[in-house]
Amino acid sequence: MTVPAQPNLKLINAPDYREAYANSVQMRVNVWDFFMVFGTLQQQTETQVEIRNFQGIYLSPQQAKALLGLLQQNIAGYESAFGEIKLDPRMNPTGPVH
């Protein structure tokens, strides 16, 4: 099976394009799409955490899987260059990642 040639890409930022820092991502999944909500987490007190959400992004299942592949590839490269990324052992892998 022959893989078709990749087209030339021209990247253009829309007028409302923006960049922001997120240290919180929540995800909801249904049969049609993946919905990711990005925000910033701030610890108010020892027992109180505040998350300010600023952007929600819908992805098709195909785009979500393509994103997974890109993340795996780039994390492997990062860890190869800088060492293993350690996660807080208290984080529950089935819950939200902040």
PDB file of N, CA and C in Angstrom:
ATOM      1  N   MET A   1       0.840  -1.181   0.000  1.00  0.00           N
ATOM      2  CA  MET A   1       0.000   0.000   0.000  1.00  0.00           C
ATOM      3  C   MET A   1       0.882   1.240   0.000  1.00  0.00           C
ATOM      4  N   THR A   2       0.604   2.166  -0.868  1.00  0.00           N
ATOM      5  CA  THR A   2       1.388   3.384  -0.996  1.00  0.00           C
ATOM      6  C   THR A   2       0.772   4.494  -0.158  1.00  0.00           C
ATOM      7  N   VAL A   3       1.628   5.179   0.588  1.00  0.00           N
ATOM      8  CA  VAL A   3       1.177   6.306   1.401  1.00  0.00           C
ATOM      9  C   VAL A   3       1.188   7.548   0.524  1.00  0.00           C
ATOM     10  N   PRO A   4       0.068   8.284   0.446  1.00  0.00           N
ATOM     11  CA  PRO A   4       0.044   9.480  -0.401  1.00  0.00           C
ATOM     12  C   PRO A   4       1.010  10.536   0.121  1.00  0.00           C
ATOM     13  N   ALA A   5       1.526  11.337  -0.804  1.00  0.00           N
ATOM     14  CA  ALA A   5       2.456  12.414  -0.449  1.00  0.00           C
ATOM     15  C   ALA A   5       1.743  13.449   0.413  1.00  0.00           C
ATOM     16  N   GLN A   6       2.466  14.005   1.367  1.00  0.00           N
ATOM     17  CA  GLN A   6       1.905  15.042   2.224  1.00  0.00           C
ATOM     18  C   GLN A   6       1.772  16.347   1.427  1.00  0.00           C
ATOM     19  N   PRO A   7       0.661  17.054   1.585  1.00  0.00           N
ATOM     20  CA  PRO A   7       0.517  18.342   0.893  1.00  0.00           C
ATOM     21  C   PRO A   7       1.384  19.402   1.551  1.00  0.00           C
ATOM     22  N   ASN A   8       1.678  20.461   0.795  1.00  0.00           N
ATOM     23  CA  ASN A   8       2.369  21.609   1.378  1.00  0.00           C
ATOM     24  C   ASN A   8       1.386  22.328   2.288  1.00  0.00           C
ATOM     25  N   LEU A   9       1.827  22.675   3.486  1.00  0.00           N
ATOM     26  CA  LEU A   9       0.968  23.348   4.451  1.00  0.00           C
ATOM     27  C   LEU A   9       1.318  24.819   4.547  1.00  0.00           C
ATOM     28  N   LYS A  10       0.299  25.638   4.643  1.00  0.00           N
ATOM     29  CA  LYS A  10       0.476  27.056   4.919  1.00  0.00           C
ATOM     30  C   LYS A  10      -0.285  27.336   6.210  1.00  0.00           C
ATOM     31  N   LEU A  11       0.419  27.657   7.270  1.00  0.00           N
ATOM     32  CA  LEU A  11      -0.199  27.922   8.562  1.00  0.00           C
ATOM     33  C   LEU A  11      -0.517  29.407   8.682  1.00  0.00           C
ATOM     34  N   ILE A  12      -1.766  29.697   8.995  1.00  0.00           N
ATOM     35  CA  ILE A  12      -2.220  31.077   9.148  1.00  0.00           C
ATOM     36  C   ILE A  12      -2.943  31.180  10.483  1.00  0.00           C
ATOM     37  N   ASN A  13      -2.552  32.133  11.302  1.00  0.00           N
ATOM     38  CA  ASN A  13      -3.249  32.372  12.570  1.00  0.00           C
ATOM     39  C   ASN A  13      -4.493  33.212  12.306  1.00  0.00           C
ATOM     40  N   ALA A  14      -5.638  32.748  12.805  1.00  0.00           N
ATOM     41  CA  ALA A  14      -6.887  33.497  12.699  1.00  0.00           C
ATOM     42  C   ALA A  14      -6.768  34.782  13.520  1.00  0.00           C
ATOM     43  N   PRO A  15      -7.584  35.783  13.219  1.00  0.00           N
ATOM     44  CA  PRO A  15      -7.520  37.041  13.987  1.00  0.00           C
ATOM     45  C   PRO A  15      -7.729  36.841  15.489  1.00  0.00           C
ATOM     46  N   ASP A  16      -8.507  35.821  15.877  1.00  0.00           N
ATOM     47  CA  ASP A  16      -8.749  35.590  17.300  1.00  0.00           C
ATOM     48  C   ASP A  16      -7.796  34.566  17.906  1.00  0.00           C
ATOM     49  N   TYR A  17      -6.722  34.212  17.192  1.00  0.00           N
ATOM     50  CA  TYR A  17      -5.713  33.283  17.716  1.00  0.00           C
ATOM     51  C   TYR A  17      -5.111  33.841  18.995  1.00  0.00           C
ATOM     52  N   ARG A  18      -4.865  32.934  19.951  1.00  0.00           N
ATOM     53  CA  ARG A  18      -4.209  33.349  21.198  1.00  0.00           C
ATOM     54  C   ARG A  18      -3.415  32.174  21.753  1.00  0.00           C
ATOM     55  N   GLU A  19      -2.462  32.477  22.580  1.00  0.00           N
ATOM     56  CA  GLU A  19      -1.689  31.470  23.302  1.00  0.00           C
ATOM     57  C   GLU A  19      -1.872  31.737  24.784  1.00  0.00           C
ATOM     58  N   ALA A  20      -1.899  30.659  25.560  1.00  0.00           N
ATOM     59  CA  ALA A  20      -2.062  30.802  27.002  1.00  0.00           C
ATOM     60  C   ALA A  20      -1.408  29.607  27.677  1.00  0.00           C
ATOM     61  N   TYR A  21      -1.069  29.778  28.930  1.00  0.00           N
ATOM     62  CA  TYR A  21      -0.501  28.724  29.753  1.00  0.00           C
ATOM     63  C   TYR A  21      -1.636  28.008  30.474  1.00  0.00           C
ATOM     64  N   ALA A  22      -1.591  26.673  30.492  1.00  0.00           N
ATOM     65  CA  ALA A  22      -2.566  25.879  31.234  1.00  0.00           C
ATOM     66  C   ALA A  22      -1.825  24.865  32.093  1.00  0.00           C
ATOM     67  N   ASN A  23      -2.228  24.762  33.352  1.00  0.00           N
ATOM     68  CA  ASN A  23      -1.702  23.702  34.208  1.00  0.00           C
ATOM     69  C   ASN A  23      -2.849  22.830  34.718  1.00  0.00           C
ATOM     70  N   SER A  24      -3.986  22.923  34.038  1.00  0.00           N
ATOM     71  CA  SER A  24      -5.135  22.083  34.340  1.00  0.00           C
ATOM     72  C   SER A  24      -5.833  21.727  33.036  1.00  0.00           C
ATOM     73  N   VAL A  25      -6.128  20.450  32.858  1.00  0.00           N
ATOM     74  CA  VAL A  25      -6.907  19.987  31.709  1.00  0.00           C
ATOM     75  C   VAL A  25      -7.916  18.977  32.216  1.00  0.00           C
ATOM     76  N   GLN A  26      -9.168  19.216  31.920  1.00  0.00           N
ATOM     77  CA  GLN A  26     -10.212  18.248  32.222  1.00  0.00           C
ATOM     78  C   GLN A  26     -10.731  17.713  30.895  1.00  0.00           C
ATOM     79  N   MET A  27     -11.160  16.465  30.862  1.00  0.00           N
ATOM     80  CA  MET A  27     -11.622  15.872  29.615  1.00  0.00           C
ATOM     81  C   MET A  27     -12.950  15.169  29.822  1.00  0.00           C
ATOM     82  N   ARG A  28     -13.828  15.362  28.857  1.00  0.00           N
ATOM     83  CA  ARG A  28     -15.091  14.635  28.788  1.00  0.00           C
ATOM     84  C   ARG A  28     -15.135  13.937  27.438  1.00  0.00           C
ATOM     85  N   VAL A  29     -15.646  12.723  27.417  1.00  0.00           N
ATOM     86  CA  VAL A  29     -15.667  11.921  26.198  1.00  0.00           C
ATOM     87  C   VAL A  29     -17.076  11.399  25.967  1.00  0.00           C
ATOM     88  N   ASN A  30     -17.508  11.447  24.721  1.00  0.00           N
ATOM     89  CA  ASN A  30     -18.738  10.763  24.341  1.00  0.00           C
ATOM     90  C   ASN A  30     -18.491  10.064  23.006  1.00  0.00           C
ATOM     91  N   VAL A  31     -19.497   9.460  22.442  1.00  0.00           N
ATOM     92  CA  VAL A  31     -19.315   8.660  21.239  1.00  0.00           C
ATOM     93  C   VAL A  31     -18.864   9.506  20.044  1.00  0.00           C
ATOM     94  N   TRP A  32     -19.159  10.797  20.034  1.00  0.00           N
ATOM     95  CA  TRP A  32     -18.844  11.636  18.884  1.00  0.00           C
ATOM     96  C   TRP A  32     -17.566  12.446  19.030  1.00  0.00           C
ATOM     97  N   ASP A  33     -17.179  12.803  20.252  1.00  0.00           N
ATOM     98  CA  ASP A  33     -16.015  13.674  20.380  1.00  0.00           C
ATOM     99  C   ASP A  33     -15.383  13.622  21.763  1.00  0.00           C
ATOM    100  N   PHE A  34     -14.207  14.226  21.829  1.00  0.00           N
ATOM    101  CA  PHE A  34     -13.475  14.446  23.067  1.00  0.00           C
ATOM    102  C   PHE A  34     -13.534  15.951  23.318  1.00  0.00           C
ATOM    103  N   PHE A  35     -13.828  16.339  24.555  1.00  0.00           N
ATOM    104  CA  PHE A  35     -13.908  17.754  24.910  1.00  0.00           C
ATOM    105  C   PHE A  35     -12.891  18.019  26.007  1.00  0.00           C
ATOM    106  N   MET A  36     -11.924  18.879  25.725  1.00  0.00           N
ATOM    107  CA  MET A  36     -10.885  19.232  26.702  1.00  0.00           C
ATOM    108  C   MET A  36     -11.105  20.667  27.148  1.00  0.00           C
ATOM    109  N   VAL A  37     -11.058  20.874  28.454  1.00  0.00           N
ATOM    110  CA  VAL A  37     -11.199  22.202  29.040  1.00  0.00           C
ATOM    111  C   VAL A  37      -9.870  22.558  29.695  1.00  0.00           C
ATOM    112  N   PHE A  38      -9.271  23.649  29.232  1.00  0.00           N
ATOM    113  CA  PHE A  38      -7.979  24.103  29.736  1.00  0.00           C
ATOM    114  C   PHE A  38      -8.178  25.240  30.724  1.00  0.00           C
ATOM    115  N   GLY A  39      -7.350  25.245  31.762  1.00  0.00           N
ATOM    116  CA  GLY A  39      -7.447  26.292  32.768  1.00  0.00           C
ATOM    117  C   GLY A  39      -6.156  26.413  33.556  1.00  0.00           C
ATOM    118  N   THR A  40      -6.194  27.293  34.530  1.00  0.00           N
ATOM    119  CA  THR A  40      -5.063  27.458  35.440  1.00  0.00           C
ATOM    120  C   THR A  40      -5.531  27.119  36.847  1.00  0.00           C
ATOM    121  N   LEU A  41      -4.727  26.330  37.516  1.00  0.00           N
ATOM    122  CA  LEU A  41      -5.010  25.869  38.872  1.00  0.00           C
ATOM    123  C   LEU A  41      -4.206  26.719  39.838  1.00  0.00           C
ATOM    124  N   GLN A  42      -4.858  27.197  40.876  1.00  0.00           N
ATOM    125  CA  GLN A  42      -4.173  27.943  41.933  1.00  0.00           C
ATOM    126  C   GLN A  42      -4.599  27.373  43.274  1.00  0.00           C
ATOM    127  N   GLN A  43      -3.615  27.034  44.091  1.00  0.00           N
ATOM    128  CA  GLN A  43      -3.883  26.529  45.442  1.00  0.00           C
ATOM    129  C   GLN A  43      -4.157  27.733  46.331  1.00  0.00           C
ATOM    130  N   GLN A  44      -5.396  27.848  46.815  1.00  0.00           N
ATOM    131  CA  GLN A  44      -5.783  28.974  47.659  1.00  0.00           C
ATOM    132  C   GLN A  44      -5.345  28.748  49.110  1.00  0.00           C
ATOM    133  N   THR A  45      -5.596  27.541  49.607  1.00  0.00           N
ATOM    134  CA  THR A  45      -5.178  27.144  50.950  1.00  0.00           C
ATOM    135  C   THR A  45      -4.743  25.680  50.844  1.00  0.00           C
ATOM    136  N   GLU A  46      -4.360  25.098  51.965  1.00  0.00           N
ATOM    137  CA  GLU A  46      -3.929  23.700  51.956  1.00  0.00           C
ATOM    138  C   GLU A  46      -5.031  22.761  51.464  1.00  0.00           C
ATOM    139  N   THR A  47      -6.274  23.133  51.703  1.00  0.00           N
ATOM    140  CA  THR A  47      -7.393  22.261  51.334  1.00  0.00           C
ATOM    141  C   THR A  47      -8.279  22.840  50.231  1.00  0.00           C
ATOM    142  N   GLN A  48      -7.971  24.018  49.718  1.00  0.00           N
ATOM    143  CA  GLN A  48      -8.818  24.678  48.725  1.00  0.00           C
ATOM    144  C   GLN A  48      -8.011  24.952  47.449  1.00  0.00           C
ATOM    145  N   VAL A  49      -8.505  24.436  46.339  1.00  0.00           N
ATOM    146  CA  VAL A  49      -7.883  24.666  45.035  1.00  0.00           C
ATOM    147  C   VAL A  49      -8.905  25.353  44.142  1.00  0.00           C
ATOM    148  N   GLU A  50      -8.456  26.349  43.395  1.00  0.00           N
ATOM    149  CA  GLU A  50      -9.328  27.061  42.462  1.00  0.00           C
ATOM    150  C   GLU A  50      -8.812  26.844  41.046  1.00  0.00           C
ATOM    151  N   ILE A  51      -9.703  26.460  40.144  1.00  0.00           N
ATOM    152  CA  ILE A  51      -9.355  26.292  38.740  1.00  0.00           C
ATOM    153  C   ILE A  51     -10.150  27.300  37.930  1.00  0.00           C
ATOM    154  N   ARG A  52      -9.456  28.120  37.168  1.00  0.00           N
ATOM    155  CA  ARG A  52     -10.104  29.095  36.285  1.00  0.00           C
ATOM    156  C   ARG A  52      -9.985  28.583  34.855  1.00  0.00           C
ATOM    157  N   ASN A  53     -11.079  28.083  34.312  1.00  0.00           N
ATOM    158  CA  ASN A  53     -11.088  27.572  32.945  1.00  0.00           C
ATOM    159  C   ASN A  53     -11.158  28.728  31.958  1.00  0.00           C
ATOM    160  N   PHE A  54     -10.398  28.615  30.855  1.00  0.00           N
ATOM    161  CA  PHE A  54     -10.400  29.685  29.875  1.00  0.00           C
ATOM    162  C   PHE A  54     -10.637  29.221  28.440  1.00  0.00           C
ATOM    163  N   GLN A  55     -10.575  27.918  28.177  1.00  0.00           N
ATOM    164  CA  GLN A  55     -10.770  27.470  26.790  1.00  0.00           C
ATOM    165  C   GLN A  55     -11.256  26.041  26.757  1.00  0.00           C
ATOM    166  N   GLY A  56     -12.268  25.775  25.953  1.00  0.00           N
ATOM    167  CA  GLY A  56     -12.741  24.426  25.707  1.00  0.00           C
ATOM    168  C   GLY A  56     -12.491  24.074  24.248  1.00  0.00           C
ATOM    169  N   ILE A  57     -11.988  22.874  24.000  1.00  0.00           N
ATOM    170  CA  ILE A  57     -11.660  22.434  22.636  1.00  0.00           C
ATOM    171  C   ILE A  57     -12.308  21.082  22.390  1.00  0.00           C
ATOM    172  N   TYR A  58     -13.053  20.972  21.300  1.00  0.00           N
ATOM    173  CA  TYR A  58     -13.624  19.695  20.873  1.00  0.00           C
ATOM    174  C   TYR A  58     -12.708  19.066  19.844  1.00  0.00           C
ATOM    175  N   LEU A  59     -12.463  17.758  19.981  1.00  0.00           N
ATOM    176  CA  LEU A  59     -11.687  16.993  18.997  1.00  0.00           C
ATOM    177  C   LEU A  59     -12.500  15.780  18.569  1.00  0.00           C
ATOM    178  N   SER A  60     -12.382  15.431  17.294  1.00  0.00           N
ATOM    179  CA  SER A  60     -12.972  14.174  16.844  1.00  0.00           C
ATOM    180  C   SER A  60     -12.151  13.038  17.447  1.00  0.00           C
ATOM    181  N   PRO A  61     -12.710  11.826  17.519  1.00  0.00           N
ATOM    182  CA  PRO A  61     -11.909  10.701  18.018  1.00  0.00           C
ATOM    183  C   PRO A  61     -10.620  10.507  17.215  1.00  0.00           C
ATOM    184  N   GLN A  62     -10.668  10.749  15.917  1.00  0.00           N
ATOM    185  CA  GLN A  62      -9.476  10.599  15.080  1.00  0.00           C
ATOM    186  C   GLN A  62      -8.412  11.645  15.437  1.00  0.00           C
ATOM    187  N   GLN A  63      -8.832  12.891  15.634  1.00  0.00           N
ATOM    188  CA  GLN A  63      -7.878  13.933  16.017  1.00  0.00           C
ATOM    189  C   GLN A  63      -7.335  13.687  17.412  1.00  0.00           C
ATOM    190  N   ALA A  64      -8.161  13.174  18.321  1.00  0.00           N
ATOM    191  CA  ALA A  64      -7.685  12.862  19.672  1.00  0.00           C
ATOM    192  C   ALA A  64      -6.605  11.788  19.613  1.00  0.00           C
ATOM    193  N   LYS A  65      -6.818  10.769  18.769  1.00  0.00           N
ATOM    194  CA  LYS A  65      -5.815   9.706  18.649  1.00  0.00           C
ATOM    195  C   LYS A  65      -4.538  10.235  17.995  1.00  0.00           C
ATOM    196  N   ALA A  66      -4.675  11.107  17.008  1.00  0.00           N
ATOM    197  CA  ALA A  66      -3.497  11.719  16.383  1.00  0.00           C
ATOM    198  C   ALA A  66      -2.745  12.578  17.405  1.00  0.00           C
ATOM    199  N   LEU A  67      -3.481  13.311  18.253  1.00  0.00           N
ATOM    200  CA  LEU A  67      -2.848  14.111  19.305  1.00  0.00           C
ATOM    201  C   LEU A  67      -2.108  13.219  20.290  1.00  0.00           C
ATOM    202  N   LEU A  68      -2.709  12.081  20.653  1.00  0.00           N
ATOM    203  CA  LEU A  68      -2.040  11.127  21.538  1.00  0.00           C
ATOM    204  C   LEU A  68      -0.697  10.709  20.956  1.00  0.00           C
ATOM    205  N   GLY A  69      -0.668  10.378  19.667  1.00  0.00           N
ATOM    206  CA  GLY A  69       0.588   9.985  19.033  1.00  0.00           C
ATOM    207  C   GLY A  69       1.627  11.094  19.063  1.00  0.00           C
ATOM    208  N   LEU A  70       1.201  12.334  18.792  1.00  0.00           N
ATOM    209  CA  LEU A  70       2.129  13.466  18.833  1.00  0.00           C
ATOM    210  C   LEU A  70       2.664  13.698  20.238  1.00  0.00           C
ATOM    211  N   LEU A  71       1.785  13.592  21.230  1.00  0.00           N
ATOM    212  CA  LEU A  71       2.225  13.773  22.614  1.00  0.00           C
ATOM    213  C   LEU A  71       3.207  12.681  23.021  1.00  0.00           C
ATOM    214  N   GLN A  72       2.908  11.419  22.685  1.00  0.00           N
ATOM    215  CA  GLN A  72       3.819  10.324  23.029  1.00  0.00           C
ATOM    216  C   GLN A  72       5.187  10.534  22.387  1.00  0.00           C
ATOM    217  N   GLN A  73       5.204  10.916  21.132  1.00  0.00           N
ATOM    218  CA  GLN A  73       6.467  11.135  20.417  1.00  0.00           C
ATOM    219  C   GLN A  73       7.260  12.280  21.048  1.00  0.00           C
ATOM    220  N   ASN A  74       6.592  13.375  21.347  1.00  0.00           N
ATOM    221  CA  ASN A  74       7.298  14.532  21.898  1.00  0.00           C
ATOM    222  C   ASN A  74       7.703  14.332  23.347  1.00  0.00           C
ATOM    223  N   ILE A  75       6.910  13.621  24.135  1.00  0.00           N
ATOM    224  CA  ILE A  75       7.308  13.327  25.517  1.00  0.00           C
ATOM    225  C   ILE A  75       8.516  12.404  25.519  1.00  0.00           C
ATOM    226  N   ALA A  76       8.531  11.414  24.638  1.00  0.00           N
ATOM    227  CA  ALA A  76       9.699  10.523  24.550  1.00  0.00           C
ATOM    228  C   ALA A  76      10.954  11.322  24.206  1.00  0.00           C
ATOM    229  N   GLY A  77      10.842  12.245  23.267  1.00  0.00           N
ATOM    230  CA  GLY A  77      11.988  13.088  22.913  1.00  0.00           C
ATOM    231  C   GLY A  77      12.426  13.981  24.053  1.00  0.00           C
ATOM    232  N   TYR A  78      11.465  14.560  24.762  1.00  0.00           N
ATOM    233  CA  TYR A  78      11.773  15.413  25.909  1.00  0.00           C
ATOM    234  C   TYR A  78      12.498  14.620  26.982  1.00  0.00           C
ATOM    235  N   GLU A  79      11.959  13.430  27.317  1.00  0.00           N
ATOM    236  CA  GLU A  79      12.567  12.618  28.366  1.00  0.00           C
ATOM    237  C   GLU A  79      13.938  12.107  27.944  1.00  0.00           C
ATOM    238  N   SER A  80      14.127  11.863  26.672  1.00  0.00           N
ATOM    239  CA  SER A  80      15.440  11.445  26.178  1.00  0.00           C
ATOM    240  C   SER A  80      16.464  12.564  26.370  1.00  0.00           C
ATOM    241  N   ALA A  81      16.026  13.794  26.177  1.00  0.00           N
ATOM    242  CA  ALA A  81      16.936  14.937  26.299  1.00  0.00           C
ATOM    243  C   ALA A  81      17.108  15.406  27.743  1.00  0.00           C
ATOM    244  N   PHE A  82      16.034  15.374  28.538  1.00  0.00           N
ATOM    245  CA  PHE A  82      16.061  16.016  29.853  1.00  0.00           C
ATOM    246  C   PHE A  82      15.808  15.084  31.028  1.00  0.00           C
ATOM    247  N   GLY A  83      15.471  13.833  30.782  1.00  0.00           N
ATOM    248  CA  GLY A  83      15.191  12.901  31.868  1.00  0.00           C
ATOM    249  C   GLY A  83      13.700  12.683  32.047  1.00  0.00           C
ATOM    250  N   GLU A  84      13.388  11.671  32.835  1.00  0.00           N
ATOM    251  CA  GLU A  84      11.999  11.269  33.038  1.00  0.00           C
ATOM    252  C   GLU A  84      11.165  12.383  33.660  1.00  0.00           C
ATOM    253  N   ILE A  85       9.968  12.555  33.156  1.00  0.00           N
ATOM    254  CA  ILE A  85       9.005  13.480  33.738  1.00  0.00           C
ATOM    255  C   ILE A  85       8.300  12.730  34.868  1.00  0.00           C
ATOM    256  N   LYS A  86       8.405  13.240  36.063  1.00  0.00           N
ATOM    257  CA  LYS A  86       7.809  12.585  37.227  1.00  0.00           C
ATOM    258  C   LYS A  86       6.441  13.209  37.522  1.00  0.00           C
ATOM    259  N   LEU A  87       5.473  12.355  37.827  1.00  0.00           N
ATOM    260  CA  LEU A  87       4.148  12.813  38.224  1.00  0.00           C
ATOM    261  C   LEU A  87       3.970  12.626  39.717  1.00  0.00           C
ATOM    262  N   ASP A  88       3.160  13.449  40.310  1.00  0.00           N
ATOM    263  CA  ASP A  88       2.846  13.344  41.726  1.00  0.00           C
ATOM    264  C   ASP A  88       2.166  11.994  41.968  1.00  0.00           C
ATOM    265  N   PRO A  89       2.710  11.156  42.844  1.00  0.00           N
ATOM    266  CA  PRO A  89       2.134   9.812  43.076  1.00  0.00           C
ATOM    267  C   PRO A  89       0.721   9.887  43.657  1.00  0.00           C
ATOM    268  N   ARG A  90       0.313  11.026  44.186  1.00  0.00           N
ATOM    269  CA  ARG A  90      -1.032  11.148  44.737  1.00  0.00           C
ATOM    270  C   ARG A  90      -2.091  11.318  43.643  1.00  0.00           C
ATOM    271  N   MET A  91      -1.625  11.580  42.422  1.00  0.00           N
ATOM    272  CA  MET A  91      -2.584  11.787  41.324  1.00  0.00           C
ATOM    273  C   MET A  91      -3.242  10.458  40.977  1.00  0.00           C
ATOM    274  N   ASN A  92      -4.551  10.472  40.876  1.00  0.00           N
ATOM    275  CA  ASN A  92      -5.320   9.306  40.508  1.00  0.00           C
ATOM    276  C   ASN A  92      -5.442   9.280  38.992  1.00  0.00           C
ATOM    277  N   PRO A  93      -4.949   8.238  38.311  1.00  0.00           N
ATOM    278  CA  PRO A  93      -4.963   8.252  36.853  1.00  0.00           C
ATOM    279  C   PRO A  93      -6.364   8.263  36.241  1.00  0.00           C
ATOM    280  N   THR A  94      -7.391   7.954  37.013  1.00  0.00           N
ATOM    281  CA  THR A  94      -8.743   7.970  36.479  1.00  0.00           C
ATOM    282  C   THR A  94      -9.431   9.297  36.711  1.00  0.00           C
ATOM    283  N   GLY A  95      -8.832  10.178  37.484  1.00  0.00           N
ATOM    284  CA  GLY A  95      -9.435  11.464  37.785  1.00  0.00           C
ATOM    285  C   GLY A  95      -8.851  12.564  36.919  1.00  0.00           C
ATOM    286  N   PRO A  96      -9.211  13.813  37.199  1.00  0.00           N
ATOM    287  CA  PRO A  96      -8.682  14.920  36.403  1.00  0.00           C
ATOM    288  C   PRO A  96      -7.192  15.100  36.639  1.00  0.00           C
ATOM    289  N   VAL A  97      -6.503  15.532  35.598  1.00  0.00           N
ATOM    290  CA  VAL A  97      -5.086  15.851  35.694  1.00  0.00           C
ATOM    291  C   VAL A  97      -4.966  17.357  35.732  1.00  0.00           C
ATOM    292  N   HIS A  98      -4.331  17.866  36.788  1.00  0.00           N
ATOM    293  CA  HIS A  98      -4.176  19.312  36.953  1.00  0.00           C
ATOM    294  C   HIS A  98      -2.725  19.679  36.780  1.00  0.00           C
TER     295      HIS A  98
END
